[in-house]
């Protein structure tokens, strides 16, 4: 390597600013954000409500969770009914 390349490489490492602990914590916190925090422009209009989508979402959860929790909490009663005291 030539002397100029080595000098430039050394200058880059010296010129680089050390990253502080606070900067690292701030960047780590920003990594957890689902979207960059910024103000919504005044010209942006709010989205219209989609009630069908909301009802479909809630009904899907009800169809999933009610039987699951019923089975989870009701298995002793189902077991008693299934064996009918013949254990």
PDB file of N, CA and C in Angstrom:
ATOM      1  N   UNK A   1       0.843  -1.178   0.000  1.00  0.00           N
ATOM      2  CA  UNK A   1       0.000   0.000   0.000  1.00  0.00           C
ATOM      3  C   UNK A   1       0.886   1.237   0.000  1.00  0.00           C
ATOM      4  N   UNK A   2       0.396   2.249  -0.642  1.00  0.00           N
ATOM      5  CA  UNK A   2       1.181   3.483  -0.681  1.00  0.00           C
ATOM      6  C   UNK A   2       1.006   4.264   0.622  1.00  0.00           C
ATOM      7  N   UNK A   3       1.856   5.203   0.827  1.00  0.00           N
ATOM      8  CA  UNK A   3       1.821   6.005   2.050  1.00  0.00           C
ATOM      9  C   UNK A   3       0.567   6.868   2.102  1.00  0.00           C
ATOM     10  N   UNK A   4       0.100   7.334   0.948  1.00  0.00           N
ATOM     11  CA  UNK A   4      -1.096   8.188   0.945  1.00  0.00           C
ATOM     12  C   UNK A   4      -2.342   7.395   1.343  1.00  0.00           C
ATOM     13  N   UNK A   5      -2.417   6.146   0.915  1.00  0.00           N
ATOM     14  CA  UNK A   5      -3.564   5.304   1.287  1.00  0.00           C
ATOM     15  C   UNK A   5      -3.544   5.038   2.782  1.00  0.00           C
ATOM     16  N   UNK A   6      -2.389   4.735   3.324  1.00  0.00           N
ATOM     17  CA  UNK A   6      -2.277   4.495   4.761  1.00  0.00           C
ATOM     18  C   UNK A   6      -2.592   5.754   5.559  1.00  0.00           C
ATOM     19  N   UNK A   7      -2.157   6.897   5.067  1.00  0.00           N
ATOM     20  CA  UNK A   7      -2.429   8.159   5.755  1.00  0.00           C
ATOM     21  C   UNK A   7      -3.922   8.463   5.747  1.00  0.00           C
ATOM     22  N   UNK A   8      -4.583   8.241   4.601  1.00  0.00           N
ATOM     23  CA  UNK A   8      -6.030   8.463   4.534  1.00  0.00           C
ATOM     24  C   UNK A   8      -6.787   7.519   5.453  1.00  0.00           C
ATOM     25  N   UNK A   9      -6.383   6.261   5.516  1.00  0.00           N
ATOM     26  CA  UNK A   9      -7.046   5.294   6.386  1.00  0.00           C
ATOM     27  C   UNK A   9      -6.866   5.683   7.845  1.00  0.00           C
ATOM     28  N   UNK A  10      -5.677   6.131   8.207  1.00  0.00           N
ATOM     29  CA  UNK A  10      -5.434   6.558   9.581  1.00  0.00           C
ATOM     30  C   UNK A  10      -6.232   7.809   9.909  1.00  0.00           C
ATOM     31  N   UNK A  11      -6.352   8.719   8.954  1.00  0.00           N
ATOM     32  CA  UNK A  11      -7.113   9.947   9.180  1.00  0.00           C
ATOM     33  C   UNK A  11      -8.593   9.640   9.368  1.00  0.00           C
ATOM     34  N   UNK A  12      -9.110   8.668   8.630  1.00  0.00           N
ATOM     35  CA  UNK A  12     -10.518   8.297   8.782  1.00  0.00           C
ATOM     36  C   UNK A  12     -10.791   7.731  10.160  1.00  0.00           C
ATOM     37  N   UNK A  13      -9.905   6.890  10.661  1.00  0.00           N
ATOM     38  CA  UNK A  13     -10.137   6.305  11.978  1.00  0.00           C
ATOM     39  C   UNK A  13     -10.018   7.351  13.071  1.00  0.00           C
ATOM     40  N   UNK A  14      -9.139   8.338  12.894  1.00  0.00           N
ATOM     41  CA  UNK A  14      -9.001   9.399  13.896  1.00  0.00           C
ATOM     42  C   UNK A  14     -10.175  10.363  13.809  1.00  0.00           C
ATOM     43  N   UNK A  15     -10.636  10.658  12.598  1.00  0.00           N
ATOM     44  CA  UNK A  15     -11.705  11.629  12.405  1.00  0.00           C
ATOM     45  C   UNK A  15     -13.067  11.079  12.809  1.00  0.00           C
ATOM     46  N   UNK A  16     -13.191   9.777  12.916  1.00  0.00           N
ATOM     47  CA  UNK A  16     -14.474   9.190  13.268  1.00  0.00           C
ATOM     48  C   UNK A  16     -14.813   9.531  14.714  1.00  0.00           C
ATOM     49  N   UNK A  17     -15.996  10.032  14.937  1.00  0.00           N
ATOM     50  CA  UNK A  17     -16.416  10.424  16.272  1.00  0.00           C
ATOM     51  C   UNK A  17     -16.835   9.191  17.059  1.00  0.00           C
ATOM     52  N   UNK A  18     -16.404   9.061  18.291  1.00  0.00           N
ATOM     53  CA  UNK A  18     -16.835   7.905  19.075  1.00  0.00           C
ATOM     54  C   UNK A  18     -18.324   8.003  19.396  1.00  0.00           C
ATOM     55  N   UNK A  19     -19.008   6.887  19.380  1.00  0.00           N
ATOM     56  CA  UNK A  19     -20.440   6.846  19.643  1.00  0.00           C
ATOM     57  C   UNK A  19     -20.636   6.767  21.146  1.00  0.00           C
ATOM     58  N   UNK A  20     -21.453   7.676  21.657  1.00  0.00           N
ATOM     59  CA  UNK A  20     -21.669   7.701  23.097  1.00  0.00           C
ATOM     60  C   UNK A  20     -22.710   6.663  23.500  1.00  0.00           C
ATOM     61  N   UNK A  21     -22.750   6.390  24.779  1.00  0.00           N
ATOM     62  CA  UNK A  21     -23.709   5.435  25.324  1.00  0.00           C
ATOM     63  C   UNK A  21     -25.134   5.931  25.116  1.00  0.00           C
ATOM     64  N   UNK A  22     -25.347   7.234  25.299  1.00  0.00           N
ATOM     65  CA  UNK A  22     -26.685   7.804  25.136  1.00  0.00           C
ATOM     66  C   UNK A  22     -27.151   7.665  23.689  1.00  0.00           C
ATOM     67  N   UNK A  23     -26.252   7.864  22.743  1.00  0.00           N
ATOM     68  CA  UNK A  23     -26.606   7.707  21.332  1.00  0.00           C
ATOM     69  C   UNK A  23     -26.983   6.265  21.025  1.00  0.00           C
ATOM     70  N   UNK A  24     -26.269   5.333  21.596  1.00  0.00           N
ATOM     71  CA  UNK A  24     -26.590   3.922  21.379  1.00  0.00           C
ATOM     72  C   UNK A  24     -27.951   3.573  21.970  1.00  0.00           C
ATOM     73  N   UNK A  25     -28.255   4.072  23.176  1.00  0.00           N
ATOM     74  CA  UNK A  25     -29.550   3.807  23.807  1.00  0.00           C
ATOM     75  C   UNK A  25     -30.672   4.439  22.987  1.00  0.00           C
ATOM     76  N   UNK A  26     -30.448   5.665  22.490  1.00  0.00           N
ATOM     77  CA  UNK A  26     -31.465   6.336  21.690  1.00  0.00           C
ATOM     78  C   UNK A  26     -31.746   5.566  20.408  1.00  0.00           C
ATOM     79  N   UNK A  27     -30.699   5.099  19.750  1.00  0.00           N
ATOM     80  CA  UNK A  27     -30.909   4.348  18.508  1.00  0.00           C
ATOM     81  C   UNK A  27     -31.564   3.001  18.787  1.00  0.00           C
ATOM     82  N   UNK A  28     -31.257   2.392  19.935  1.00  0.00           N
ATOM     83  CA  UNK A  28     -31.912   1.136  20.284  1.00  0.00           C
ATOM     84  C   UNK A  28     -33.404   1.371  20.528  1.00  0.00           C
ATOM     85  N   UNK A  29     -33.745   2.461  21.208  1.00  0.00           N
ATOM     86  CA  UNK A  29     -35.148   2.786  21.435  1.00  0.00           C
ATOM     87  C   UNK A  29     -35.890   3.057  20.148  1.00  0.00           C
ATOM     88  N   UNK A  30     -35.224   3.722  19.212  1.00  0.00           N
ATOM     89  CA  UNK A  30     -35.853   3.987  17.917  1.00  0.00           C
ATOM     90  C   UNK A  30     -36.071   2.711  17.129  1.00  0.00           C
ATOM     91  N   UNK A  31     -35.244   1.718  17.354  1.00  0.00           N
ATOM     92  CA  UNK A  31     -35.401   0.450  16.638  1.00  0.00           C
ATOM     93  C   UNK A  31     -36.677  -0.266  17.065  1.00  0.00           C
ATOM     94  N   UNK A  32     -37.169   0.006  18.283  1.00  0.00           N
ATOM     95  CA  UNK A  32     -38.386  -0.646  18.761  1.00  0.00           C
ATOM     96  C   UNK A  32     -39.652   0.017  18.233  1.00  0.00           C
ATOM     97  N   UNK A  33     -39.547   1.217  17.677  1.00  0.00           N
ATOM     98  CA  UNK A  33     -40.727   1.899  17.157  1.00  0.00           C
ATOM     99  C   UNK A  33     -41.223   1.187  15.906  1.00  0.00           C
ATOM    100  N   UNK A  34     -42.518   1.055  15.796  1.00  0.00           N
ATOM    101  CA  UNK A  34     -43.069   0.402  14.612  1.00  0.00           C
ATOM    102  C   UNK A  34     -43.033   1.320  13.404  1.00  0.00           C
ATOM    103  N   UNK A  35     -42.953   2.609  13.636  1.00  0.00           N
ATOM    104  CA  UNK A  35     -42.859   3.576  12.548  1.00  0.00           C
ATOM    105  C   UNK A  35     -42.092   4.776  13.083  1.00  0.00           C
ATOM    106  N   UNK A  36     -41.459   5.510  12.225  1.00  0.00           N
ATOM    107  CA  UNK A  36     -40.754   6.697  12.712  1.00  0.00           C
ATOM    108  C   UNK A  36     -41.739   7.688  13.319  1.00  0.00           C
ATOM    109  N   UNK A  37     -41.347   8.271  14.439  1.00  0.00           N
ATOM    110  CA  UNK A  37     -42.233   9.222  15.101  1.00  0.00           C
ATOM    111  C   UNK A  37     -42.149  10.559  14.389  1.00  0.00           C
ATOM    112  N   UNK A  38     -43.234  10.972  13.846  1.00  0.00           N
ATOM    113  CA  UNK A  38     -43.293  12.280  13.200  1.00  0.00           C
ATOM    114  C   UNK A  38     -44.740  12.734  13.211  1.00  0.00           C
ATOM    115  N   UNK A  39     -44.923  14.017  13.081  1.00  0.00           N
ATOM    116  CA  UNK A  39     -46.278  14.554  13.075  1.00  0.00           C
ATOM    117  C   UNK A  39     -46.997  14.190  11.782  1.00  0.00           C
ATOM    118  N   UNK A  40     -48.280  13.988  11.904  1.00  0.00           N
ATOM    119  CA  UNK A  40     -49.102  13.741  10.725  1.00  0.00           C
ATOM    120  C   UNK A  40     -49.349  15.090  10.054  1.00  0.00           C
ATOM    121  N   UNK A  41     -49.187  15.188   8.750  1.00  0.00           N
ATOM    122  CA  UNK A  41     -49.408  16.473   8.084  1.00  0.00           C
ATOM    123  C   UNK A  41     -50.856  16.930   8.230  1.00  0.00           C
ATOM    124  N   UNK A  42     -51.046  18.228   8.259  1.00  0.00           N
ATOM    125  CA  UNK A  42     -52.386  18.795   8.406  1.00  0.00           C
ATOM    126  C   UNK A  42     -53.251  18.433   7.207  1.00  0.00           C
ATOM    127  N   UNK A  43     -52.641  18.270   6.057  1.00  0.00           N
ATOM    128  CA  UNK A  43     -53.408  17.973   4.846  1.00  0.00           C
ATOM    129  C   UNK A  43     -53.878  16.523   4.791  1.00  0.00           C
ATOM    130  N   UNK A  44     -53.347  15.659   5.654  1.00  0.00           N
ATOM    131  CA  UNK A  44     -53.743  14.249   5.637  1.00  0.00           C
ATOM    132  C   UNK A  44     -55.140  14.099   6.231  1.00  0.00           C
ATOM    133  N   UNK A  45     -55.969  13.401   5.541  1.00  0.00           N
ATOM    134  CA  UNK A  45     -57.334  13.160   6.003  1.00  0.00           C
ATOM    135  C   UNK A  45     -57.384  11.839   6.763  1.00  0.00           C
ATOM    136  N   UNK A  46     -58.179  11.775   7.834  1.00  0.00           N
ATOM    137  CA  UNK A  46     -58.298  10.506   8.548  1.00  0.00           C
ATOM    138  C   UNK A  46     -59.007   9.462   7.682  1.00  0.00           C
ATOM    139  N   UNK A  47     -58.653   8.227   7.891  1.00  0.00           N
ATOM    140  CA  UNK A  47     -59.255   7.147   7.116  1.00  0.00           C
ATOM    141  C   UNK A  47     -60.700   6.938   7.553  1.00  0.00           C
ATOM    142  N   UNK A  48     -61.520   6.578   6.608  1.00  0.00           N
ATOM    143  CA  UNK A  48     -62.918   6.294   6.908  1.00  0.00           C
ATOM    144  C   UNK A  48     -63.004   4.989   7.693  1.00  0.00           C
ATOM    145  N   UNK A  49     -63.936   4.912   8.646  1.00  0.00           N
ATOM    146  CA  UNK A  49     -64.042   3.676   9.430  1.00  0.00           C
ATOM    147  C   UNK A  49     -64.556   2.526   8.574  1.00  0.00           C
ATOM    148  N   UNK A  50     -64.005   1.358   8.798  1.00  0.00           N
ATOM    149  CA  UNK A  50     -64.413   0.160   8.074  1.00  0.00           C
ATOM    150  C   UNK A  50     -65.045  -0.790   9.086  1.00  0.00           C
ATOM    151  N   UNK A  51     -66.341  -0.608   9.310  1.00  0.00           N
ATOM    152  CA  UNK A  51     -67.031  -1.368  10.346  1.00  0.00           C
ATOM    153  C   UNK A  51     -67.137  -2.847  10.008  1.00  0.00           C
ATOM    154  N   UNK A  52     -67.265  -3.176   8.754  1.00  0.00           N
ATOM    155  CA  UNK A  52     -67.358  -4.586   8.362  1.00  0.00           C
ATOM    156  C   UNK A  52     -66.061  -5.309   8.711  1.00  0.00           C
ATOM    157  N   UNK A  53     -64.940  -4.667   8.453  1.00  0.00           N
ATOM    158  CA  UNK A  53     -63.651  -5.272   8.776  1.00  0.00           C
ATOM    159  C   UNK A  53     -63.500  -5.454  10.284  1.00  0.00           C
ATOM    160  N   UNK A  54     -63.936  -4.458  11.070  1.00  0.00           N
ATOM    161  CA  UNK A  54     -63.838  -4.558  12.526  1.00  0.00           C
ATOM    162  C   UNK A  54     -64.717  -5.685  13.066  1.00  0.00           C
ATOM    163  N   UNK A  55     -65.944  -5.778  12.574  1.00  0.00           N
ATOM    164  CA  UNK A  55     -66.859  -6.832  13.030  1.00  0.00           C
ATOM    165  C   UNK A  55     -66.327  -8.200  12.630  1.00  0.00           C
ATOM    166  N   UNK A  56     -65.793  -8.320  11.425  1.00  0.00           N
ATOM    167  CA  UNK A  56     -65.215  -9.585  10.977  1.00  0.00           C
ATOM    168  C   UNK A  56     -64.041  -9.985  11.854  1.00  0.00           C
ATOM    169  N   UNK A  57     -63.208  -9.033  12.224  1.00  0.00           N
ATOM    170  CA  UNK A  57     -62.061  -9.307  13.083  1.00  0.00           C
ATOM    171  C   UNK A  57     -62.518  -9.794  14.456  1.00  0.00           C
ATOM    172  N   UNK A  58     -63.486  -9.104  15.055  1.00  0.00           N
ATOM    173  CA  UNK A  58     -63.966  -9.478  16.389  1.00  0.00           C
ATOM    174  C   UNK A  58     -64.657 -10.837  16.348  1.00  0.00           C
ATOM    175  N   UNK A  59     -65.469 -11.083  15.340  1.00  0.00           N
ATOM    176  CA  UNK A  59     -66.143 -12.380  15.246  1.00  0.00           C
ATOM    177  C   UNK A  59     -65.147 -13.510  15.029  1.00  0.00           C
ATOM    178  N   UNK A  60     -64.105 -13.254  14.274  1.00  0.00           N
ATOM    179  CA  UNK A  60     -63.067 -14.268  14.094  1.00  0.00           C
ATOM    180  C   UNK A  60     -62.388 -14.616  15.402  1.00  0.00           C
ATOM    181  N   UNK A  61     -62.143 -13.603  16.235  1.00  0.00           N
ATOM    182  CA  UNK A  61     -61.535 -13.861  17.542  1.00  0.00           C
ATOM    183  C   UNK A  61     -62.494 -14.612  18.459  1.00  0.00           C
ATOM    184  N   UNK A  62     -63.763 -14.252  18.414  1.00  0.00           N
ATOM    185  CA  UNK A  62     -64.751 -14.940  19.249  1.00  0.00           C
ATOM    186  C   UNK A  62     -64.853 -16.405  18.849  1.00  0.00           C
ATOM    187  N   UNK A  63     -64.906 -16.670  17.550  1.00  0.00           N
ATOM    188  CA  UNK A  63     -65.010 -18.047  17.064  1.00  0.00           C
ATOM    189  C   UNK A  63     -63.791 -18.862  17.475  1.00  0.00           C
ATOM    190  N   UNK A  64     -62.644 -18.215  17.590  1.00  0.00           N
ATOM    191  CA  UNK A  64     -61.420 -18.926  17.955  1.00  0.00           C
ATOM    192  C   UNK A  64     -61.287 -19.098  19.457  1.00  0.00           C
ATOM    193  N   UNK A  65     -61.467 -18.013  20.208  1.00  0.00           N
ATOM    194  CA  UNK A  65     -61.127 -18.035  21.624  1.00  0.00           C
ATOM    195  C   UNK A  65     -62.199 -18.642  22.517  1.00  0.00           C
ATOM    196  N   UNK A  66     -63.470 -18.468  22.205  1.00  0.00           N
ATOM    197  CA  UNK A  66     -64.522 -19.006  23.074  1.00  0.00           C
ATOM    198  C   UNK A  66     -64.451 -20.530  23.149  1.00  0.00           C
ATOM    199  N   UNK A  67     -64.370 -21.261  22.043  1.00  0.00           N
ATOM    200  CA  UNK A  67     -64.228 -22.717  22.181  1.00  0.00           C
ATOM    201  C   UNK A  67     -62.907 -23.128  22.829  1.00  0.00           C
ATOM    202  N   UNK A  68     -61.839 -22.406  22.541  1.00  0.00           N
ATOM    203  CA  UNK A  68     -60.542 -22.766  23.122  1.00  0.00           C
ATOM    204  C   UNK A  68     -60.564 -22.614  24.635  1.00  0.00           C
ATOM    205  N   UNK A  69     -61.074 -21.489  25.131  1.00  0.00           N
ATOM    206  CA  UNK A  69     -61.132 -21.302  26.575  1.00  0.00           C
ATOM    207  C   UNK A  69     -62.192 -22.188  27.208  1.00  0.00           C
ATOM    208  N   UNK A  70     -63.268 -22.462  26.479  1.00  0.00           N
ATOM    209  CA  UNK A  70     -64.258 -23.403  27.000  1.00  0.00           C
ATOM    210  C   UNK A  70     -63.668 -24.786  27.192  1.00  0.00           C
ATOM    211  N   UNK A  71     -62.860 -25.222  26.244  1.00  0.00           N
ATOM    212  CA  UNK A  71     -62.204 -26.522  26.370  1.00  0.00           C
ATOM    213  C   UNK A  71     -61.144 -26.496  27.463  1.00  0.00           C
ATOM    214  N   UNK A  72     -60.408 -25.406  27.539  1.00  0.00           N
ATOM    215  CA  UNK A  72     -59.354 -25.286  28.537  1.00  0.00           C
ATOM    216  C   UNK A  72     -59.916 -25.282  29.955  1.00  0.00           C
ATOM    217  N   UNK A  73     -60.998 -24.577  30.164  1.00  0.00           N
ATOM    218  CA  UNK A  73     -61.571 -24.483  31.503  1.00  0.00           C
ATOM    219  C   UNK A  73     -62.643 -25.535  31.767  1.00  0.00           C
ATOM    220  N   UNK A  74     -63.189 -26.129  30.725  1.00  0.00           N
ATOM    221  CA  UNK A  74     -64.286 -27.066  30.929  1.00  0.00           C
ATOM    222  C   UNK A  74     -63.922 -28.524  30.788  1.00  0.00           C
ATOM    223  N   UNK A  75     -62.622 -28.847  30.641  1.00  0.00           N
ATOM    224  CA  UNK A  75     -62.257 -30.243  30.457  1.00  0.00           C
ATOM    225  C   UNK A  75     -62.594 -31.103  31.678  1.00  0.00           C
ATOM    226  N   UNK A  76     -62.571 -30.607  32.912  1.00  0.00           N
ATOM    227  CA  UNK A  76     -62.980 -31.488  34.013  1.00  0.00           C
ATOM    228  C   UNK A  76     -64.449 -31.912  33.907  1.00  0.00           C
ATOM    229  N   UNK A  77     -65.316 -30.984  33.521  1.00  0.00           N
ATOM    230  CA  UNK A  77     -66.731 -31.326  33.362  1.00  0.00           C
ATOM    231  C   UNK A  77     -66.922 -32.295  32.200  1.00  0.00           C
ATOM    232  N   UNK A  78     -66.175 -32.093  31.107  1.00  0.00           N
ATOM    233  CA  UNK A  78     -66.263 -33.020  29.977  1.00  0.00           C
ATOM    234  C   UNK A  78     -65.754 -34.404  30.358  1.00  0.00           C
ATOM    235  N   UNK A  79     -64.691 -34.459  31.149  1.00  0.00           N
ATOM    236  CA  UNK A  79     -64.162 -35.756  31.577  1.00  0.00           C
ATOM    237  C   UNK A  79     -65.152 -36.473  32.483  1.00  0.00           C
ATOM    238  N   UNK A  80     -65.791 -35.741  33.389  1.00  0.00           N
ATOM    239  CA  UNK A  80     -66.784 -36.362  34.273  1.00  0.00           C
ATOM    240  C   UNK A  80     -67.974 -36.886  33.470  1.00  0.00           C
ATOM    241  N   UNK A  81     -68.390 -36.109  32.475  1.00  0.00           N
ATOM    242  CA  UNK A  81     -69.505 -36.537  31.640  1.00  0.00           C
ATOM    243  C   UNK A  81     -69.109 -37.745  30.794  1.00  0.00           C
ATOM    244  N   UNK A  82     -67.861 -37.769  30.288  1.00  0.00           N
ATOM    245  CA  UNK A  82     -67.424 -38.844  29.398  1.00  0.00           C
ATOM    246  C   UNK A  82     -67.312 -40.172  30.130  1.00  0.00           C
ATOM    247  N   UNK A  83     -66.749 -40.172  31.316  1.00  0.00           N
ATOM    248  CA  UNK A  83     -66.577 -41.449  32.023  1.00  0.00           C
ATOM    249  C   UNK A  83     -67.791 -41.796  32.852  1.00  0.00           C
ATOM    250  N   UNK A  84     -68.629 -40.831  33.171  1.00  0.00           N
ATOM    251  CA  UNK A  84     -69.888 -41.038  33.877  1.00  0.00           C
ATOM    252  C   UNK A  84     -69.690 -41.821  35.168  1.00  0.00           C
ATOM    253  N   UNK A  85     -68.589 -41.545  35.861  1.00  0.00           N
ATOM    254  CA  UNK A  85     -68.346 -42.192  37.147  1.00  0.00           C
ATOM    255  C   UNK A  85     -67.870 -43.623  37.048  1.00  0.00           C
ATOM    256  N   UNK A  86     -67.488 -44.117  35.869  1.00  0.00           N
ATOM    257  CA  UNK A  86     -67.041 -45.503  35.701  1.00  0.00           C
ATOM    258  C   UNK A  86     -65.522 -45.602  35.625  1.00  0.00           C
ATOM    259  N   UNK A  87     -64.842 -44.966  36.544  1.00  0.00           N
ATOM    260  CA  UNK A  87     -63.380 -45.044  36.535  1.00  0.00           C
ATOM    261  C   UNK A  87     -62.937 -46.022  37.586  1.00  0.00           C
TER     262      UNK A  87
END
